Amino acid sequence: MARSFPHSFVVCNCKHVTLGEIIYSIKEKGAKTLEDLSKLTDAGSCCKSCQNSQSDIGVEKMELYLEEILNKFNKE
């Protein structure tokens, strides 16, 4: 995740969940897994394309995945 995204960047298009909401769920609400994020924000609960590149079924691929975000914060 070397690229820089604004907090307003929409990570989950189906549920319109932004990067800022994801980061808040990780830092403030303690989300550690995709399931946690789904419960707290609904991100990744619809088509699941935003979870990781393997589950991305869209013709146009996502720029940022939930697993990438979780991995970055779980390392800190």
PDB file of N, CA and C in Angstrom:
ATOM      1  N   MET A   1       0.850  -1.179   0.000  1.00  0.00           N
ATOM      2  CA  MET A   1       0.000   0.000   0.000  1.00  0.00           C
ATOM      3  C   MET A   1       0.891   1.235   0.000  1.00  0.00           C
ATOM      4  N   ALA A   2       1.716   1.341  -1.005  1.00  0.00           N
ATOM      5  CA  ALA A   2       2.657   2.453  -1.095  1.00  0.00           C
ATOM      6  C   ALA A   2       1.974   3.744  -1.552  1.00  0.00           C
ATOM      7  N   ARG A   3       0.853   3.603  -2.216  1.00  0.00           N
ATOM      8  CA  ARG A   3       0.133   4.786  -2.689  1.00  0.00           C
ATOM      9  C   ARG A   3      -0.547   5.477  -1.511  1.00  0.00           C
ATOM     10  N   SER A   4      -0.821   6.749  -1.695  1.00  0.00           N
ATOM     11  CA  SER A   4      -1.483   7.516  -0.655  1.00  0.00           C
ATOM     12  C   SER A   4      -2.912   7.827  -1.090  1.00  0.00           C
ATOM     13  N   PHE A   5      -3.867   7.497  -0.248  1.00  0.00           N
ATOM     14  CA  PHE A   5      -5.271   7.735  -0.546  1.00  0.00           C
ATOM     15  C   PHE A   5      -5.866   8.675   0.493  1.00  0.00           C
ATOM     16  N   PRO A   6      -6.780   9.567   0.082  1.00  0.00           N
ATOM     17  CA  PRO A   6      -7.442  10.435   1.060  1.00  0.00           C
ATOM     18  C   PRO A   6      -8.453   9.623   1.884  1.00  0.00           C
ATOM     19  N   HIS A   7      -8.781  10.087   3.050  1.00  0.00           N
ATOM     20  CA  HIS A   7      -9.745   9.388   3.900  1.00  0.00           C
ATOM     21  C   HIS A   7     -11.124   9.308   3.253  1.00  0.00           C
ATOM     22  N   SER A   8     -11.392  10.169   2.277  1.00  0.00           N
ATOM     23  CA  SER A   8     -12.684  10.157   1.593  1.00  0.00           C
ATOM     24  C   SER A   8     -12.737   9.134   0.460  1.00  0.00           C
ATOM     25  N   PHE A   9     -11.627   8.440   0.190  1.00  0.00           N
ATOM     26  CA  PHE A   9     -11.565   7.441  -0.878  1.00  0.00           C
ATOM     27  C   PHE A   9     -12.518   6.293  -0.559  1.00  0.00           C
ATOM     28  N   VAL A  10     -13.406   5.959  -1.502  1.00  0.00           N
ATOM     29  CA  VAL A  10     -14.375   4.883  -1.303  1.00  0.00           C
ATOM     30  C   VAL A  10     -13.698   3.542  -1.572  1.00  0.00           C
ATOM     31  N   VAL A  11     -13.604   2.722  -0.530  1.00  0.00           N
ATOM     32  CA  VAL A  11     -12.987   1.403  -0.637  1.00  0.00           C
ATOM     33  C   VAL A  11     -14.033   0.376  -1.058  1.00  0.00           C
ATOM     34  N   CYS A  12     -15.217   0.435  -0.473  1.00  0.00           N
ATOM     35  CA  CYS A  12     -16.311  -0.485  -0.796  1.00  0.00           C
ATOM     36  C   CYS A  12     -17.385   0.284  -1.561  1.00  0.00           C
ATOM     37  N   ASN A  13     -17.445   0.043  -2.860  1.00  0.00           N
ATOM     38  CA  ASN A  13     -18.417   0.757  -3.699  1.00  0.00           C
ATOM     39  C   ASN A  13     -19.856   0.345  -3.419  1.00  0.00           C
ATOM     40  N   CYS A  14     -20.093  -0.920  -3.139  1.00  0.00           N
ATOM     41  CA  CYS A  14     -21.464  -1.402  -2.903  1.00  0.00           C
ATOM     42  C   CYS A  14     -22.119  -0.714  -1.706  1.00  0.00           C
ATOM     43  N   LYS A  15     -21.355  -0.580  -0.637  1.00  0.00           N
ATOM     44  CA  LYS A  15     -21.886  -0.014   0.603  1.00  0.00           C
ATOM     45  C   LYS A  15     -21.410   1.414   0.850  1.00  0.00           C
ATOM     46  N   HIS A  16     -20.625   1.971  -0.083  1.00  0.00           N
ATOM     47  CA  HIS A  16     -20.131   3.351  -0.004  1.00  0.00           C
ATOM     48  C   HIS A  16     -19.350   3.610   1.285  1.00  0.00           C
ATOM     49  N   VAL A  17     -18.430   2.692   1.600  1.00  0.00           N
ATOM     50  CA  VAL A  17     -17.618   2.812   2.812  1.00  0.00           C
ATOM     51  C   VAL A  17     -16.261   3.407   2.441  1.00  0.00           C
ATOM     52  N   THR A  18     -15.875   4.457   3.160  1.00  0.00           N
ATOM     53  CA  THR A  18     -14.637   5.169   2.842  1.00  0.00           C
ATOM     54  C   THR A  18     -13.443   4.609   3.635  1.00  0.00           C
ATOM     55  N   LEU A  19     -12.265   4.986   3.184  1.00  0.00           N
ATOM     56  CA  LEU A  19     -11.035   4.618   3.868  1.00  0.00           C
ATOM     57  C   LEU A  19     -11.044   5.143   5.301  1.00  0.00           C
ATOM     58  N   GLY A  20     -11.531   6.358   5.481  1.00  0.00           N
ATOM     59  CA  GLY A  20     -11.611   6.945   6.815  1.00  0.00           C
ATOM     60  C   GLY A  20     -12.456   6.105   7.757  1.00  0.00           C
ATOM     61  N   GLU A  21     -13.585   5.595   7.274  1.00  0.00           N
ATOM     62  CA  GLU A  21     -14.444   4.743   8.100  1.00  0.00           C
ATOM     63  C   GLU A  21     -13.748   3.425   8.450  1.00  0.00           C
ATOM     64  N   ILE A  22     -13.006   2.885   7.489  1.00  0.00           N
ATOM     65  CA  ILE A  22     -12.267   1.646   7.717  1.00  0.00           C
ATOM     66  C   ILE A  22     -11.184   1.872   8.780  1.00  0.00           C
ATOM     67  N   ILE A  23     -10.418   2.938   8.627  1.00  0.00           N
ATOM     68  CA  ILE A  23      -9.348   3.245   9.582  1.00  0.00           C
ATOM     69  C   ILE A  23      -9.924   3.476  10.977  1.00  0.00           C
ATOM     70  N   TYR A  24     -11.025   4.186  11.066  1.00  0.00           N
ATOM     71  CA  TYR A  24     -11.682   4.421  12.362  1.00  0.00           C
ATOM     72  C   TYR A  24     -12.083   3.090  13.001  1.00  0.00           C
ATOM     73  N   SER A  25     -12.629   2.187  12.191  1.00  0.00           N
ATOM     74  CA  SER A  25     -13.052   0.888  12.711  1.00  0.00           C
ATOM     75  C   SER A  25     -11.876   0.069  13.223  1.00  0.00           C
ATOM     76  N   ILE A  26     -10.738   0.210  12.574  1.00  0.00           N
ATOM     77  CA  ILE A  26      -9.546  -0.524  12.996  1.00  0.00           C
ATOM     78  C   ILE A  26      -8.942   0.110  14.246  1.00  0.00           C
ATOM     79  N   LYS A  27      -8.715   1.414  14.202  1.00  0.00           N
ATOM     80  CA  LYS A  27      -8.027   2.100  15.306  1.00  0.00           C
ATOM     81  C   LYS A  27      -8.899   2.292  16.544  1.00  0.00           C
ATOM     82  N   GLU A  28     -10.146   2.674  16.349  1.00  0.00           N
ATOM     83  CA  GLU A  28     -11.004   3.035  17.484  1.00  0.00           C
ATOM     84  C   GLU A  28     -11.944   1.915  17.934  1.00  0.00           C
ATOM     85  N   LYS A  29     -12.350   1.057  17.012  1.00  0.00           N
ATOM     86  CA  LYS A  29     -13.310   0.003  17.337  1.00  0.00           C
ATOM     87  C   LYS A  29     -12.660  -1.376  17.445  1.00  0.00           C
ATOM     88  N   GLY A  30     -11.360  -1.463  17.102  1.00  0.00           N
ATOM     89  CA  GLY A  30     -10.621  -2.704  17.289  1.00  0.00           C
ATOM     90  C   GLY A  30     -10.809  -3.775  16.231  1.00  0.00           C
ATOM     91  N   ALA A  31     -11.232  -3.408  15.034  1.00  0.00           N
ATOM     92  CA  ALA A  31     -11.403  -4.391  13.960  1.00  0.00           C
ATOM     93  C   ALA A  31     -10.058  -5.014  13.599  1.00  0.00           C
ATOM     94  N   LYS A  32     -10.013  -6.339  13.550  1.00  0.00           N
ATOM     95  CA  LYS A  32      -8.777  -7.060  13.233  1.00  0.00           C
ATOM     96  C   LYS A  32      -8.933  -7.956  12.004  1.00  0.00           C
ATOM     97  N   THR A  33     -10.175  -8.251  11.615  1.00  0.00           N
ATOM     98  CA  THR A  33     -10.430  -9.182  10.515  1.00  0.00           C
ATOM     99  C   THR A  33     -11.422  -8.588   9.524  1.00  0.00           C
ATOM    100  N   LEU A  34     -11.549  -9.244   8.374  1.00  0.00           N
ATOM    101  CA  LEU A  34     -12.555  -8.832   7.386  1.00  0.00           C
ATOM    102  C   LEU A  34     -13.953  -8.937   7.984  1.00  0.00           C
ATOM    103  N   GLU A  35     -14.179  -9.953   8.788  1.00  0.00           N
ATOM    104  CA  GLU A  35     -15.482 -10.134   9.435  1.00  0.00           C
ATOM    105  C   GLU A  35     -15.784  -8.970  10.387  1.00  0.00           C
ATOM    106  N   ASP A  36     -14.777  -8.556  11.139  1.00  0.00           N
ATOM    107  CA  ASP A  36     -14.949  -7.400  12.038  1.00  0.00           C
ATOM    108  C   ASP A  36     -15.347  -6.159  11.245  1.00  0.00           C
ATOM    109  N   LEU A  37     -14.618  -5.905  10.149  1.00  0.00           N
ATOM    110  CA  LEU A  37     -14.915  -4.725   9.324  1.00  0.00           C
ATOM    111  C   LEU A  37     -16.320  -4.801   8.745  1.00  0.00           C
ATOM    112  N   SER A  38     -16.714  -5.978   8.319  1.00  0.00           N
ATOM    113  CA  SER A  38     -18.047  -6.162   7.754  1.00  0.00           C
ATOM    114  C   SER A  38     -19.128  -5.866   8.791  1.00  0.00           C
ATOM    115  N   LYS A  39     -18.914  -6.345  10.013  1.00  0.00           N
ATOM    116  CA  LYS A  39     -19.889  -6.110  11.087  1.00  0.00           C
ATOM    117  C   LYS A  39     -19.985  -4.633  11.462  1.00  0.00           C
ATOM    118  N   LEU A  40     -18.830  -3.957  11.489  1.00  0.00           N
ATOM    119  CA  LEU A  40     -18.800  -2.557  11.917  1.00  0.00           C
ATOM    120  C   LEU A  40     -19.198  -1.566  10.824  1.00  0.00           C
ATOM    121  N   THR A  41     -18.881  -1.878   9.557  1.00  0.00           N
ATOM    122  CA  THR A  41     -19.087  -0.892   8.493  1.00  0.00           C
ATOM    123  C   THR A  41     -19.930  -1.388   7.317  1.00  0.00           C
ATOM    124  N   ASP A  42     -20.177  -2.673   7.241  1.00  0.00           N
ATOM    125  CA  ASP A  42     -20.828  -3.329   6.096  1.00  0.00           C
ATOM    126  C   ASP A  42     -19.887  -3.489   4.904  1.00  0.00           C
ATOM    127  N   ALA A  43     -18.670  -2.988   4.987  1.00  0.00           N
ATOM    128  CA  ALA A  43     -17.713  -3.116   3.876  1.00  0.00           C
ATOM    129  C   ALA A  43     -17.415  -4.586   3.613  1.00  0.00           C
ATOM    130  N   GLY A  44     -17.401  -4.956   2.352  1.00  0.00           N
ATOM    131  CA  GLY A  44     -17.087  -6.323   1.966  1.00  0.00           C
ATOM    132  C   GLY A  44     -18.211  -7.311   2.188  1.00  0.00           C
ATOM    133  N   SER A  45     -19.404  -6.830   2.486  1.00  0.00           N
ATOM    134  CA  SER A  45     -20.512  -7.738   2.790  1.00  0.00           C
ATOM    135  C   SER A  45     -21.439  -7.989   1.605  1.00  0.00           C
ATOM    136  N   CYS A  46     -21.199  -7.330   0.496  1.00  0.00           N
ATOM    137  CA  CYS A  46     -22.094  -7.485  -0.654  1.00  0.00           C
ATOM    138  C   CYS A  46     -21.429  -8.361  -1.722  1.00  0.00           C
ATOM    139  N   CYS A  47     -20.754  -7.773  -2.684  1.00  0.00           N
ATOM    140  CA  CYS A  47     -20.133  -8.555  -3.764  1.00  0.00           C
ATOM    141  C   CYS A  47     -18.768  -9.102  -3.371  1.00  0.00           C
ATOM    142  N   LYS A  48     -18.167  -8.560  -2.322  1.00  0.00           N
ATOM    143  CA  LYS A  48     -16.879  -8.974  -1.760  1.00  0.00           C
ATOM    144  C   LYS A  48     -15.666  -8.642  -2.634  1.00  0.00           C
ATOM    145  N   SER A  49     -15.843  -7.890  -3.706  1.00  0.00           N
ATOM    146  CA  SER A  49     -14.726  -7.522  -4.584  1.00  0.00           C
ATOM    147  C   SER A  49     -13.692  -6.661  -3.880  1.00  0.00           C
ATOM    148  N   CYS A  50     -14.093  -5.934  -2.850  1.00  0.00           N
ATOM    149  CA  CYS A  50     -13.163  -5.043  -2.152  1.00  0.00           C
ATOM    150  C   CYS A  50     -12.339  -5.756  -1.091  1.00  0.00           C
ATOM    151  N   GLN A  51     -12.613  -7.035  -0.831  1.00  0.00           N
ATOM    152  CA  GLN A  51     -11.883  -7.748   0.217  1.00  0.00           C
ATOM    153  C   GLN A  51     -10.427  -7.989  -0.142  1.00  0.00           C
ATOM    154  N   ASN A  52     -10.177  -8.534  -1.337  1.00  0.00           N
ATOM    155  CA  ASN A  52      -8.812  -8.802  -1.792  1.00  0.00           C
ATOM    156  C   ASN A  52      -8.814  -9.019  -3.300  1.00  0.00           C
ATOM    157  N   SER A  53      -7.642  -9.056  -3.903  1.00  0.00           N
ATOM    158  CA  SER A  53      -7.562  -9.162  -5.362  1.00  0.00           C
ATOM    159  C   SER A  53      -8.105 -10.498  -5.867  1.00  0.00           C
ATOM    160  N   GLN A  54      -8.039 -11.555  -5.064  1.00  0.00           N
ATOM    161  CA  GLN A  54      -8.558 -12.856  -5.476  1.00  0.00           C
ATOM    162  C   GLN A  54     -10.085 -12.863  -5.584  1.00  0.00           C
ATOM    163  N   SER A  55     -10.752 -12.079  -4.774  1.00  0.00           N
ATOM    164  CA  SER A  55     -12.215 -12.046  -4.800  1.00  0.00           C
ATOM    165  C   SER A  55     -12.763 -10.907  -5.663  1.00  0.00           C
ATOM    166  N   ASP A  56     -11.886 -10.125  -6.276  1.00  0.00           N
ATOM    167  CA  ASP A  56     -12.298  -8.997  -7.117  1.00  0.00           C
ATOM    168  C   ASP A  56     -12.816  -9.509  -8.459  1.00  0.00           C
ATOM    169  N   ILE A  57     -14.142  -9.527  -8.596  1.00  0.00           N
ATOM    170  CA  ILE A  57     -14.778 -10.076  -9.798  1.00  0.00           C
ATOM    171  C   ILE A  57     -15.104  -9.001 -10.830  1.00  0.00           C
ATOM    172  N   GLY A  58     -14.833  -7.770 -10.508  1.00  0.00           N
ATOM    173  CA  GLY A  58     -15.168  -6.673 -11.408  1.00  0.00           C
ATOM    174  C   GLY A  58     -14.250  -6.611 -12.621  1.00  0.00           C
ATOM    175  N   VAL A  59     -14.766  -6.062 -13.703  1.00  0.00           N
ATOM    176  CA  VAL A  59     -13.953  -5.875 -14.903  1.00  0.00           C
ATOM    177  C   VAL A  59     -12.860  -4.857 -14.611  1.00  0.00           C
ATOM    178  N   GLU A  60     -13.255  -3.754 -13.992  1.00  0.00           N
ATOM    179  CA  GLU A  60     -12.291  -2.733 -13.556  1.00  0.00           C
ATOM    180  C   GLU A  60     -11.881  -3.088 -12.130  1.00  0.00           C
ATOM    181  N   LYS A  61     -10.601  -3.337 -11.916  1.00  0.00           N
ATOM    182  CA  LYS A  61     -10.120  -3.791 -10.609  1.00  0.00           C
ATOM    183  C   LYS A  61     -10.054  -2.650  -9.601  1.00  0.00           C
ATOM    184  N   MET A  62     -10.210  -3.012  -8.335  1.00  0.00           N
ATOM    185  CA  MET A  62     -10.155  -2.051  -7.240  1.00  0.00           C
ATOM    186  C   MET A  62      -8.725  -1.524  -7.096  1.00  0.00           C
ATOM    187  N   GLU A  63      -8.593  -0.327  -6.569  1.00  0.00           N
ATOM    188  CA  GLU A  63      -7.270   0.268  -6.331  1.00  0.00           C
ATOM    189  C   GLU A  63      -6.737  -0.065  -4.943  1.00  0.00           C
ATOM    190  N   LEU A  64      -7.624  -0.403  -4.027  1.00  0.00           N
ATOM    191  CA  LEU A  64      -7.265  -0.638  -2.641  1.00  0.00           C
ATOM    192  C   LEU A  64      -8.207  -1.698  -2.082  1.00  0.00           C
ATOM    193  N   TYR A  65      -7.644  -2.649  -1.345  1.00  0.00           N
ATOM    194  CA  TYR A  65      -8.447  -3.744  -0.795  1.00  0.00           C
ATOM    195  C   TYR A  65      -8.443  -3.714   0.733  1.00  0.00           C
ATOM    196  N   LEU A  66      -9.531  -4.229   1.315  1.00  0.00           N
ATOM    197  CA  LEU A  66      -9.666  -4.272   2.764  1.00  0.00           C
ATOM    198  C   LEU A  66      -8.515  -5.042   3.413  1.00  0.00           C
ATOM    199  N   GLU A  67      -8.107  -6.162   2.816  1.00  0.00           N
ATOM    200  CA  GLU A  67      -6.998  -6.943   3.385  1.00  0.00           C
ATOM    201  C   GLU A  67      -5.700  -6.134   3.427  1.00  0.00           C
ATOM    202  N   GLU A  68      -5.454  -5.325   2.398  1.00  0.00           N
ATOM    203  CA  GLU A  68      -4.253  -4.479   2.384  1.00  0.00           C
ATOM    204  C   GLU A  68      -4.270  -3.512   3.563  1.00  0.00           C
ATOM    205  N   ILE A  69      -5.430  -2.917   3.800  1.00  0.00           N
ATOM    206  CA  ILE A  69      -5.568  -1.946   4.890  1.00  0.00           C
ATOM    207  C   ILE A  69      -5.372  -2.642   6.232  1.00  0.00           C
ATOM    208  N   LEU A  70      -6.047  -3.779   6.421  1.00  0.00           N
ATOM    209  CA  LEU A  70      -5.900  -4.533   7.671  1.00  0.00           C
ATOM    210  C   LEU A  70      -4.449  -4.941   7.906  1.00  0.00           C
ATOM    211  N   ASN A  71      -3.792  -5.436   6.872  1.00  0.00           N
ATOM    212  CA  ASN A  71      -2.400  -5.870   7.004  1.00  0.00           C
ATOM    213  C   ASN A  71      -1.493  -4.719   7.418  1.00  0.00           C
ATOM    214  N   LYS A  72      -1.730  -3.543   6.849  1.00  0.00           N
ATOM    215  CA  LYS A  72      -0.910  -2.378   7.199  1.00  0.00           C
ATOM    216  C   LYS A  72      -1.053  -2.038   8.677  1.00  0.00           C
ATOM    217  N   PHE A  73      -2.287  -2.020   9.171  1.00  0.00           N
ATOM    218  CA  PHE A  73      -2.507  -1.620  10.569  1.00  0.00           C
ATOM    219  C   PHE A  73      -2.200  -2.739  11.564  1.00  0.00           C
ATOM    220  N   ASN A  74      -2.309  -3.995  11.136  1.00  0.00           N
ATOM    221  CA  ASN A  74      -1.981  -5.103  12.045  1.00  0.00           C
ATOM    222  C   ASN A  74      -0.477  -5.230  12.241  1.00  0.00           C
ATOM    223  N   LYS A  75       0.321  -4.668  11.325  1.00  0.00           N
ATOM    224  CA  LYS A  75       1.771  -4.690  11.466  1.00  0.00           C
ATOM    225  C   LYS A  75       2.274  -3.634  12.427  1.00  0.00           C
ATOM    226  N   GLU A  76       1.498  -2.555  12.597  1.00  0.00           N
ATOM    227  CA  GLU A  76       1.934  -1.425  13.434  1.00  0.00           C
ATOM    228  C   GLU A  76       1.850  -1.778  14.907  1.00  0.00           C
TER     229      GLU A  76
END
